[in-house]
N, C-alpha and C. Protein backbone atom coordinates (compact mmCIF):
# COMPACT_ATOMS: atom_id res chain seq x y z
N MET A 1 -46.22 70.27 -15.51
CA MET A 1 -45.46 70.32 -16.74
C MET A 1 -43.96 70.44 -16.46
N LYS A 2 -43.59 71.30 -15.48
CA LYS A 2 -42.18 71.46 -15.14
C LYS A 2 -41.56 70.15 -14.67
N LYS A 3 -42.32 69.40 -13.86
CA LYS A 3 -41.81 68.14 -13.33
C LYS A 3 -41.56 67.15 -14.47
N ARG A 4 -42.45 67.14 -15.45
CA ARG A 4 -42.30 66.22 -16.58
C ARG A 4 -41.06 66.57 -17.40
N ILE A 5 -40.83 67.84 -17.64
CA ILE A 5 -39.64 68.26 -18.40
C ILE A 5 -38.37 67.88 -17.65
N GLY A 6 -38.38 68.09 -16.33
CA GLY A 6 -37.23 67.71 -15.52
C GLY A 6 -36.98 66.22 -15.57
N LEU A 7 -38.06 65.44 -15.55
CA LEU A 7 -37.91 63.99 -15.63
C LEU A 7 -37.35 63.56 -16.98
N ILE A 8 -37.80 64.21 -18.05
CA ILE A 8 -37.28 63.92 -19.38
C ILE A 8 -35.79 64.26 -19.47
N ILE A 9 -35.41 65.42 -18.94
CA ILE A 9 -34.00 65.82 -18.93
C ILE A 9 -33.18 64.81 -18.13
N GLY A 10 -33.70 64.40 -16.98
CA GLY A 10 -33.00 63.43 -16.15
C GLY A 10 -32.79 62.11 -16.85
N TRP A 11 -33.81 61.63 -17.55
CA TRP A 11 -33.68 60.35 -18.25
C TRP A 11 -32.77 60.45 -19.46
N ILE A 12 -32.82 61.57 -20.17
CA ILE A 12 -31.91 61.75 -21.31
C ILE A 12 -30.46 61.71 -20.84
N CYS A 13 -30.17 62.44 -19.76
CA CYS A 13 -28.81 62.45 -19.21
C CYS A 13 -28.41 61.06 -18.72
N ALA A 14 -29.35 60.35 -18.06
CA ALA A 14 -29.06 59.00 -17.56
C ALA A 14 -28.76 58.05 -18.72
N LEU A 15 -29.53 58.15 -19.78
CA LEU A 15 -29.31 57.26 -20.92
C LEU A 15 -28.01 57.58 -21.64
N LEU A 16 -27.62 58.85 -21.69
CA LEU A 16 -26.34 59.20 -22.29
C LEU A 16 -25.17 58.63 -21.48
N VAL A 17 -25.25 58.77 -20.16
CA VAL A 17 -24.21 58.22 -19.29
C VAL A 17 -24.18 56.70 -19.42
N ALA A 18 -25.36 56.08 -19.44
CA ALA A 18 -25.42 54.62 -19.57
C ALA A 18 -24.85 54.17 -20.91
N ALA A 19 -25.16 54.90 -21.98
CA ALA A 19 -24.65 54.53 -23.31
C ALA A 19 -23.13 54.64 -23.35
N PHE A 20 -22.58 55.72 -22.78
CA PHE A 20 -21.13 55.90 -22.73
C PHE A 20 -20.48 54.75 -21.97
N ASN A 21 -21.03 54.42 -20.79
CA ASN A 21 -20.44 53.36 -19.98
C ASN A 21 -20.68 51.97 -20.57
N LEU A 22 -21.82 51.80 -21.24
CA LEU A 22 -22.09 50.52 -21.91
C LEU A 22 -21.10 50.29 -23.04
N PHE A 23 -20.81 51.33 -23.79
CA PHE A 23 -19.81 51.22 -24.85
C PHE A 23 -18.45 50.84 -24.26
N ALA A 24 -18.07 51.50 -23.16
CA ALA A 24 -16.79 51.20 -22.52
C ALA A 24 -16.76 49.76 -22.01
N ALA A 25 -17.88 49.29 -21.45
CA ALA A 25 -17.94 47.92 -20.93
C ALA A 25 -17.85 46.90 -22.07
N VAL A 26 -18.59 47.13 -23.14
CA VAL A 26 -18.58 46.20 -24.27
C VAL A 26 -17.19 46.15 -24.90
N MET A 27 -16.53 47.28 -25.00
CA MET A 27 -15.19 47.31 -25.59
C MET A 27 -14.19 46.50 -24.76
N LYS A 28 -14.44 46.36 -23.46
CA LYS A 28 -13.55 45.56 -22.62
C LYS A 28 -13.69 44.07 -22.91
N PHE A 29 -14.81 43.64 -23.49
CA PHE A 29 -15.01 42.24 -23.83
C PHE A 29 -14.35 41.86 -25.16
N ILE A 30 -14.02 42.86 -25.97
CA ILE A 30 -13.43 42.59 -27.28
C ILE A 30 -11.93 42.37 -27.11
N PRO A 31 -11.42 41.21 -27.55
CA PRO A 31 -9.99 40.95 -27.40
C PRO A 31 -9.15 41.91 -28.27
N VAL A 32 -8.01 42.30 -27.74
CA VAL A 32 -7.13 43.21 -28.48
C VAL A 32 -5.86 42.46 -28.88
N GLU A 33 -5.30 42.87 -30.00
CA GLU A 33 -4.06 42.26 -30.47
C GLU A 33 -2.88 42.80 -29.68
N PRO A 34 -1.95 41.95 -29.32
CA PRO A 34 -0.75 42.44 -28.63
C PRO A 34 -0.01 43.46 -29.49
N GLY A 35 0.37 44.55 -28.86
CA GLY A 35 1.10 45.60 -29.55
C GLY A 35 0.22 46.64 -30.21
N SER A 36 -1.10 46.44 -30.21
CA SER A 36 -2.01 47.42 -30.81
C SER A 36 -2.12 48.64 -29.88
N PRO A 37 -2.62 49.76 -30.39
CA PRO A 37 -2.79 50.94 -29.54
C PRO A 37 -3.68 50.66 -28.32
N ALA A 38 -4.72 49.85 -28.49
CA ALA A 38 -5.58 49.51 -27.35
C ALA A 38 -4.81 48.72 -26.30
N ASP A 39 -3.94 47.83 -26.75
CA ASP A 39 -3.12 47.06 -25.82
C ASP A 39 -2.14 47.97 -25.08
N GLN A 40 -1.57 48.93 -25.79
CA GLN A 40 -0.63 49.87 -25.16
C GLN A 40 -1.34 50.73 -24.11
N ILE A 41 -2.55 51.17 -24.39
CA ILE A 41 -3.30 51.96 -23.42
C ILE A 41 -3.63 51.09 -22.20
N GLY A 42 -4.05 49.85 -22.43
CA GLY A 42 -4.32 48.94 -21.32
C GLY A 42 -3.09 48.71 -20.46
N GLN A 43 -1.94 48.57 -21.11
CA GLN A 43 -0.68 48.41 -20.36
C GLN A 43 -0.36 49.67 -19.56
N GLN A 44 -0.55 50.83 -20.20
CA GLN A 44 -0.25 52.10 -19.53
C GLN A 44 -1.15 52.31 -18.31
N LEU A 45 -2.42 51.93 -18.43
CA LEU A 45 -3.36 52.10 -17.31
C LEU A 45 -3.21 51.00 -16.26
N GLY A 46 -2.59 49.90 -16.64
CA GLY A 46 -2.41 48.80 -15.69
C GLY A 46 -3.64 47.93 -15.54
N ILE A 47 -4.50 47.87 -16.56
CA ILE A 47 -5.72 47.07 -16.45
C ILE A 47 -5.67 45.80 -17.28
N ARG A 48 -4.55 45.50 -17.93
CA ARG A 48 -4.45 44.29 -18.73
C ARG A 48 -4.70 43.08 -17.83
N GLY A 49 -5.57 42.20 -18.27
CA GLY A 49 -5.90 41.02 -17.49
C GLY A 49 -7.11 41.20 -16.58
N MET A 50 -7.59 42.42 -16.43
CA MET A 50 -8.76 42.69 -15.58
C MET A 50 -9.95 43.22 -16.37
N GLU A 51 -9.86 43.16 -17.68
CA GLU A 51 -10.90 43.78 -18.51
C GLU A 51 -12.27 43.18 -18.27
N TYR A 52 -12.36 41.84 -18.20
CA TYR A 52 -13.67 41.20 -18.05
C TYR A 52 -14.31 41.55 -16.70
N GLU A 53 -13.51 41.52 -15.65
CA GLU A 53 -14.04 41.84 -14.32
C GLU A 53 -14.54 43.28 -14.27
N LEU A 54 -13.76 44.20 -14.85
CA LEU A 54 -14.17 45.60 -14.87
C LEU A 54 -15.43 45.79 -15.71
N ALA A 55 -15.54 45.06 -16.81
CA ALA A 55 -16.72 45.18 -17.67
C ALA A 55 -17.97 44.69 -16.95
N VAL A 56 -17.87 43.57 -16.26
CA VAL A 56 -19.02 43.04 -15.52
C VAL A 56 -19.43 44.01 -14.41
N LEU A 57 -18.45 44.52 -13.69
CA LEU A 57 -18.73 45.51 -12.65
C LEU A 57 -19.43 46.73 -13.24
N GLU A 58 -18.93 47.20 -14.36
CA GLU A 58 -19.52 48.37 -15.00
C GLU A 58 -20.96 48.10 -15.44
N LEU A 59 -21.23 46.92 -15.96
CA LEU A 59 -22.59 46.57 -16.38
C LEU A 59 -23.55 46.51 -15.18
N ILE A 60 -23.08 45.99 -14.06
CA ILE A 60 -23.91 45.94 -12.85
C ILE A 60 -24.23 47.35 -12.37
N VAL A 61 -23.23 48.22 -12.36
CA VAL A 61 -23.43 49.60 -11.91
C VAL A 61 -24.41 50.33 -12.84
N ILE A 62 -24.27 50.12 -14.14
CA ILE A 62 -25.19 50.74 -15.10
C ILE A 62 -26.62 50.28 -14.84
N LEU A 63 -26.80 48.99 -14.63
CA LEU A 63 -28.12 48.45 -14.38
C LEU A 63 -28.72 49.04 -13.10
N LEU A 64 -27.94 49.10 -12.03
CA LEU A 64 -28.43 49.68 -10.78
C LEU A 64 -28.79 51.15 -10.96
N PHE A 65 -28.02 51.86 -11.77
CA PHE A 65 -28.29 53.28 -11.99
C PHE A 65 -29.56 53.51 -12.80
N LEU A 66 -29.86 52.64 -13.74
CA LEU A 66 -31.02 52.84 -14.60
C LEU A 66 -32.34 52.40 -13.96
N ILE A 67 -32.30 51.45 -13.05
CA ILE A 67 -33.54 51.01 -12.39
C ILE A 67 -33.94 52.07 -11.37
N PRO A 68 -35.14 52.65 -11.50
CA PRO A 68 -35.54 53.74 -10.60
C PRO A 68 -35.46 53.38 -9.11
N ARG A 69 -35.80 52.16 -8.75
CA ARG A 69 -35.79 51.77 -7.35
C ARG A 69 -34.38 51.70 -6.75
N THR A 70 -33.38 51.41 -7.57
CA THR A 70 -32.00 51.29 -7.09
C THR A 70 -31.13 52.44 -7.60
N MET A 71 -31.76 53.50 -8.08
CA MET A 71 -31.04 54.61 -8.69
C MET A 71 -30.04 55.26 -7.74
N THR A 72 -30.40 55.42 -6.47
CA THR A 72 -29.52 56.09 -5.52
C THR A 72 -28.22 55.32 -5.31
N ILE A 73 -28.32 54.02 -5.07
CA ILE A 73 -27.11 53.23 -4.89
C ILE A 73 -26.33 53.15 -6.20
N GLY A 74 -27.04 53.09 -7.32
CA GLY A 74 -26.38 53.09 -8.62
C GLY A 74 -25.63 54.38 -8.87
N PHE A 75 -26.23 55.50 -8.44
CA PHE A 75 -25.58 56.80 -8.58
C PHE A 75 -24.29 56.85 -7.76
N VAL A 76 -24.37 56.41 -6.53
CA VAL A 76 -23.19 56.42 -5.66
C VAL A 76 -22.09 55.52 -6.22
N LEU A 77 -22.46 54.33 -6.68
CA LEU A 77 -21.47 53.41 -7.25
C LEU A 77 -20.89 53.95 -8.56
N MET A 78 -21.75 54.60 -9.37
CA MET A 78 -21.28 55.16 -10.64
C MET A 78 -20.30 56.30 -10.38
N ILE A 79 -20.60 57.16 -9.40
CA ILE A 79 -19.68 58.25 -9.05
C ILE A 79 -18.34 57.66 -8.60
N GLY A 80 -18.41 56.63 -7.77
CA GLY A 80 -17.17 56.00 -7.30
C GLY A 80 -16.38 55.37 -8.43
N TYR A 81 -17.07 54.65 -9.31
CA TYR A 81 -16.39 54.01 -10.43
C TYR A 81 -15.77 55.05 -11.35
N MET A 82 -16.55 56.08 -11.71
CA MET A 82 -16.04 57.12 -12.60
C MET A 82 -14.91 57.91 -11.94
N GLY A 83 -14.99 58.10 -10.63
CA GLY A 83 -13.90 58.75 -9.91
C GLY A 83 -12.62 57.94 -10.00
N GLY A 84 -12.76 56.61 -9.89
CA GLY A 84 -11.60 55.73 -10.03
C GLY A 84 -11.03 55.77 -11.43
N VAL A 85 -11.91 55.83 -12.42
CA VAL A 85 -11.45 55.92 -13.80
C VAL A 85 -10.67 57.21 -14.02
N LEU A 86 -11.22 58.32 -13.51
CA LEU A 86 -10.54 59.61 -13.66
C LEU A 86 -9.20 59.61 -12.93
N ALA A 87 -9.18 59.11 -11.71
CA ALA A 87 -7.93 59.07 -10.95
C ALA A 87 -6.89 58.20 -11.65
N THR A 88 -7.32 57.07 -12.18
CA THR A 88 -6.39 56.19 -12.90
C THR A 88 -5.82 56.89 -14.13
N ASN A 89 -6.70 57.55 -14.88
CA ASN A 89 -6.23 58.26 -16.08
C ASN A 89 -5.23 59.34 -15.72
N LEU A 90 -5.55 60.15 -14.72
CA LEU A 90 -4.68 61.28 -14.38
C LEU A 90 -3.36 60.85 -13.74
N THR A 91 -3.36 59.73 -13.03
CA THR A 91 -2.11 59.28 -12.39
C THR A 91 -1.25 58.42 -13.31
N HIS A 92 -1.75 58.12 -14.50
CA HIS A 92 -0.99 57.29 -15.43
C HIS A 92 -0.64 58.05 -16.71
N GLY A 93 -0.53 59.36 -16.60
CA GLY A 93 0.02 60.14 -17.70
C GLY A 93 -0.97 60.72 -18.69
N PHE A 94 -2.26 60.54 -18.48
CA PHE A 94 -3.24 61.15 -19.38
C PHE A 94 -3.56 62.56 -18.90
N SER A 95 -3.82 63.46 -19.82
CA SER A 95 -4.10 64.85 -19.44
C SER A 95 -5.58 65.04 -19.14
N HIS A 96 -5.91 66.24 -18.65
CA HIS A 96 -7.32 66.58 -18.41
C HIS A 96 -8.09 66.58 -19.73
N ALA A 97 -7.44 67.00 -20.80
CA ALA A 97 -8.09 67.01 -22.11
C ALA A 97 -8.42 65.59 -22.57
N ASP A 98 -7.53 64.64 -22.27
CA ASP A 98 -7.80 63.24 -22.61
C ASP A 98 -8.98 62.69 -21.80
N SER A 99 -9.23 63.26 -20.64
CA SER A 99 -10.28 62.79 -19.75
C SER A 99 -11.56 63.61 -19.88
N LEU A 100 -11.69 64.38 -20.94
CA LEU A 100 -12.85 65.26 -21.10
C LEU A 100 -14.17 64.50 -21.08
N LEU A 101 -14.23 63.33 -21.70
CA LEU A 101 -15.48 62.55 -21.68
C LEU A 101 -15.87 62.13 -20.27
N ILE A 102 -14.90 61.91 -19.43
CA ILE A 102 -15.20 61.54 -18.04
C ILE A 102 -15.81 62.74 -17.32
N TYR A 103 -15.26 63.93 -17.54
CA TYR A 103 -15.83 65.14 -16.92
C TYR A 103 -17.25 65.39 -17.41
N ILE A 104 -17.47 65.19 -18.70
CA ILE A 104 -18.82 65.35 -19.26
C ILE A 104 -19.76 64.32 -18.63
N SER A 105 -19.27 63.11 -18.46
CA SER A 105 -20.07 62.06 -17.84
C SER A 105 -20.44 62.43 -16.40
N PHE A 106 -19.50 63.00 -15.66
CA PHE A 106 -19.80 63.47 -14.30
C PHE A 106 -20.91 64.51 -14.31
N ALA A 107 -20.84 65.46 -15.22
CA ALA A 107 -21.86 66.50 -15.30
C ALA A 107 -23.23 65.90 -15.64
N LEU A 108 -23.26 65.03 -16.63
CA LEU A 108 -24.53 64.40 -17.01
C LEU A 108 -25.07 63.52 -15.89
N LEU A 109 -24.19 62.84 -15.18
CA LEU A 109 -24.59 61.99 -14.07
C LEU A 109 -25.22 62.82 -12.95
N THR A 110 -24.63 63.95 -12.65
CA THR A 110 -25.16 64.83 -11.61
C THR A 110 -26.50 65.42 -12.02
N ILE A 111 -26.62 65.87 -13.25
CA ILE A 111 -27.89 66.42 -13.74
C ILE A 111 -28.97 65.35 -13.70
N SER A 112 -28.62 64.15 -14.12
CA SER A 112 -29.57 63.04 -14.10
C SER A 112 -30.04 62.75 -12.69
N ALA A 113 -29.13 62.67 -11.76
CA ALA A 113 -29.50 62.37 -10.37
C ALA A 113 -30.37 63.48 -9.79
N TYR A 114 -30.07 64.72 -10.13
CA TYR A 114 -30.85 65.85 -9.62
C TYR A 114 -32.30 65.78 -10.09
N PHE A 115 -32.51 65.49 -11.36
CA PHE A 115 -33.87 65.47 -11.90
C PHE A 115 -34.60 64.16 -11.65
N ARG A 116 -33.90 63.04 -11.65
CA ARG A 116 -34.57 61.75 -11.45
C ARG A 116 -34.82 61.46 -9.98
N ASN A 117 -34.02 62.02 -9.09
CA ASN A 117 -34.13 61.72 -7.67
C ASN A 117 -33.89 62.99 -6.86
N PRO A 118 -34.87 63.92 -6.87
CA PRO A 118 -34.65 65.20 -6.18
C PRO A 118 -34.45 65.05 -4.67
N GLU A 119 -34.98 63.98 -4.06
CA GLU A 119 -34.79 63.81 -2.62
C GLU A 119 -33.35 63.44 -2.28
N LEU A 120 -32.56 63.04 -3.27
CA LEU A 120 -31.14 62.75 -3.05
C LEU A 120 -30.42 64.00 -2.58
N LEU A 121 -30.72 65.14 -3.20
CA LEU A 121 -30.12 66.40 -2.80
C LEU A 121 -30.50 66.74 -1.36
N THR A 122 -31.75 66.48 -0.99
CA THR A 122 -32.20 66.73 0.38
C THR A 122 -31.45 65.84 1.35
N ARG A 123 -31.27 64.56 0.99
CA ARG A 123 -30.51 63.65 1.86
C ARG A 123 -29.07 64.09 2.03
N LEU A 124 -28.46 64.55 0.97
CA LEU A 124 -27.08 65.01 1.04
C LEU A 124 -26.95 66.25 1.92
N ARG A 125 -27.93 67.15 1.81
CA ARG A 125 -27.90 68.36 2.66
C ARG A 125 -28.08 68.02 4.13
N LYS A 126 -28.97 67.09 4.44
CA LYS A 126 -29.19 66.69 5.83
C LYS A 126 -27.96 66.00 6.40
N GLY A 127 -27.28 65.22 5.59
CA GLY A 127 -26.10 64.49 6.04
C GLY A 127 -24.94 65.41 6.37
N SER A 128 -24.87 66.60 5.73
CA SER A 128 -23.74 67.48 5.95
C SER A 128 -23.97 68.44 7.10
N VAL A 129 -25.17 68.48 7.66
CA VAL A 129 -25.46 69.41 8.75
C VAL A 129 -25.07 68.82 10.07
């Protein structure tokens, strides 16, 4: 029973992270009007002109993370991608409060990986010894 509850928690967290990232990826496909707030944020972050490539990359990472067989590589890629997003936000004038959803995503991602792939923690411990 405990294992089943852990698996449910892991999948709920994984689906929340996937939904958040899927929304972000889909929004990158929607064209923005020049001078709009979305355009200004894109200019501030320096991603104007790269939206489609970033969206495709994000969709691939989401897919790898959700498939149980490729979950470990998806987790590593998702952590790297989200780390890049956080670093970009913080180095381009956004505050920690503006990046709160990214921090929440990190927490949900870690909880999901812990419950969906418990041997990942064992691998990480062995690698650090």
